[in-house]
Amino acid sequence: MLLRKVSPVEAKSACIGKRIRRARLARKMTQESLSEMCGVNASYIGQIERGEKQPSLRTLIAICRSLHVDLSSLLETDTSAPDASVQELLDVVHGCPAEIVEVVTQHARVVVSTFRKLRSPAGPNVHSDTTDS
């Protein structure tokens, strides 16, 4: 499988689309209701949210007005990628029963622990416990 390099414009479009989707869902709006408010097709809203299409400035302003967000909040450089990733995880478990959230949390702890062990300079086979028996 050949992987294609994503251009900075495509990456920015995807980031803007995720922010639009997050704001829309936070307001419990459908793509259809947002599209009606903005005067565009609902499938176009979906393409924008997935980063497949780059909306015009006029459309972005209409989206911002409909979602009650500042244009700058959609366009700002994403210097907080971990925050966006955390929000994505929250979106995944939002509305799930407590037992599913607990299982996801336990799995996340195992993944993070394993990742840290593998990334540590000492390697995965060296224990950090230095106490004598």
Protein backbone atom coordinates (compact mmCIF):
# COMPACT_ATOMS: atom_id res chain seq x y z
CA MET A 1 0.00 0.00 0.00
CA LEU A 2 1.36 3.40 -1.01
CA LEU A 3 1.01 6.23 1.50
CA ARG A 4 0.50 9.72 0.13
CA LYS A 5 2.01 12.73 1.87
CA VAL A 6 -0.65 15.10 3.16
CA SER A 7 -0.10 18.72 2.17
CA PRO A 8 -0.23 21.48 4.80
CA VAL A 9 -3.43 22.80 3.18
CA GLU A 10 -5.08 19.38 3.43
CA ALA A 11 -3.99 19.04 7.05
CA LYS A 12 -5.37 22.50 7.86
CA SER A 13 -8.66 21.68 6.10
CA ALA A 14 -9.00 18.49 8.15
CA CYS A 15 -8.29 20.43 11.36
CA ILE A 16 -10.87 23.10 10.51
CA GLY A 17 -13.38 20.39 9.62
CA LYS A 18 -12.88 18.63 12.96
CA ARG A 19 -13.40 21.91 14.80
CA ILE A 20 -16.60 22.57 12.87
CA ARG A 21 -17.86 19.06 13.61
CA ARG A 22 -16.99 19.38 17.31
CA ALA A 23 -18.82 22.74 17.55
CA ARG A 24 -21.83 21.37 15.67
CA LEU A 25 -22.11 18.31 17.89
CA ALA A 26 -21.65 20.41 21.03
CA ARG A 27 -24.75 22.33 19.94
CA LYS A 28 -26.57 19.08 19.16
CA MET A 29 -27.03 20.11 15.54
CA THR A 30 -27.24 17.83 12.53
CA GLN A 31 -25.34 18.42 9.32
CA GLU A 32 -28.73 19.04 7.71
CA SER A 33 -29.72 21.78 10.17
CA LEU A 34 -26.32 23.46 9.86
CA SER A 35 -26.48 23.28 6.07
CA GLU A 36 -29.94 24.90 6.04
CA MET A 37 -28.70 27.74 8.24
CA CYS A 38 -25.69 28.28 5.97
CA GLY A 39 -27.45 27.85 2.64
CA VAL A 40 -25.34 24.92 1.46
CA ASN A 41 -25.93 21.23 0.84
CA ALA A 42 -25.72 18.85 3.82
CA SER A 43 -23.31 16.58 1.97
CA TYR A 44 -21.04 19.59 1.49
CA ILE A 45 -20.99 20.15 5.26
CA GLY A 46 -19.93 16.50 5.64
CA GLN A 47 -17.14 16.96 3.10
CA ILE A 48 -15.94 20.07 4.93
CA GLU A 49 -15.97 18.24 8.28
CA ARG A 50 -13.92 15.38 6.81
CA GLY A 51 -11.43 17.84 5.31
CA GLU A 52 -12.31 16.80 1.76
CA LYS A 53 -13.49 20.26 0.70
CA GLN A 54 -12.20 23.74 1.49
CA PRO A 55 -15.09 26.12 2.03
CA SER A 56 -15.06 29.68 0.77
CA LEU A 57 -14.64 32.50 3.24
CA ARG A 58 -18.33 33.32 2.80
CA THR A 59 -19.31 29.75 3.75
CA LEU A 60 -16.90 29.71 6.71
CA ILE A 61 -18.42 32.93 8.02
CA ALA A 62 -21.93 31.48 7.64
CA ILE A 63 -20.85 28.35 9.52
CA CYS A 64 -19.30 30.44 12.29
CA ARG A 65 -22.44 32.53 12.67
CA SER A 66 -24.64 29.44 12.74
CA LEU A 67 -22.44 27.73 15.35
CA HIS A 68 -21.79 30.92 17.34
CA VAL A 69 -18.01 30.52 17.11
CA ASP A 70 -15.31 32.99 16.11
CA LEU A 71 -13.68 32.52 12.74
CA SER A 72 -10.30 32.82 14.43
CA SER A 73 -11.07 29.77 16.59
CA LEU A 74 -11.47 27.67 13.43
CA LEU A 75 -8.39 29.06 11.71
CA GLU A 76 -5.89 29.28 14.59
CA THR A 77 -2.77 27.19 14.35
CA ASP A 78 -3.20 23.99 16.27
CA THR A 79 -0.42 24.15 18.85
CA SER A 80 -2.31 21.89 21.22
CA ALA A 81 -2.46 18.60 19.33
CA PRO A 82 -2.60 16.60 22.58
CA ASP A 83 -5.67 18.60 23.61
CA ALA A 84 -7.34 17.81 20.29
CA SER A 85 -6.49 14.14 20.72
CA VAL A 86 -7.89 14.11 24.23
CA GLN A 87 -11.07 15.70 22.94
CA GLU A 88 -11.29 13.04 20.25
CA LEU A 89 -11.05 10.32 22.91
CA LEU A 90 -13.77 12.06 24.91
CA ASP A 91 -15.94 12.20 21.79
CA VAL A 92 -15.49 8.44 21.34
CA VAL A 93 -16.74 7.55 24.83
CA HIS A 94 -19.33 10.34 25.12
CA GLY A 95 -22.72 8.81 25.84
CA CYS A 96 -21.35 5.33 26.48
CA PRO A 97 -22.39 3.42 29.60
CA ALA A 98 -20.01 3.70 32.57
CA GLU A 99 -18.77 0.13 32.18
CA ILE A 100 -17.62 0.82 28.61
CA VAL A 101 -15.87 4.02 29.71
CA GLU A 102 -14.09 2.04 32.45
CA VAL A 103 -12.94 -0.64 30.00
CA VAL A 104 -11.67 1.99 27.55
CA THR A 105 -9.87 3.75 30.42
CA GLN A 106 -8.21 0.50 31.53
CA HIS A 107 -7.08 -0.25 27.97
CA ALA A 108 -5.74 3.29 27.58
CA ARG A 109 -3.67 2.88 30.75
CA VAL A 110 -2.17 -0.37 29.45
CA VAL A 111 -1.39 1.18 26.07
CA VAL A 112 0.24 4.26 27.63
CA SER A 113 2.24 2.15 30.08
CA THR A 114 3.44 -0.17 27.31
CA PHE A 115 4.31 2.75 25.07
CA ARG A 116 6.33 4.42 27.82
CA LYS A 117 8.23 1.21 28.54
CA LEU A 118 9.06 0.72 24.89
CA ARG A 119 10.13 4.34 24.48
CA SER A 120 12.25 4.51 27.63
CA PRO A 121 16.02 4.81 27.06
CA ALA A 122 16.60 1.69 29.18
CA GLY A 123 14.32 -0.39 26.95
CA PRO A 124 11.41 -2.68 27.78
CA ASN A 125 13.43 -5.33 29.67
CA VAL A 126 14.94 -3.06 32.31
CA HIS A 127 12.88 -2.48 35.47
CA SER A 128 12.82 0.97 36.99
CA ASP A 129 12.36 -0.50 40.50
CA THR A 130 15.71 0.04 42.23
CA THR A 131 14.79 -1.12 45.73
CA ASP A 132 16.73 -4.04 47.17
CA SER A 133 14.95 -7.11 48.46
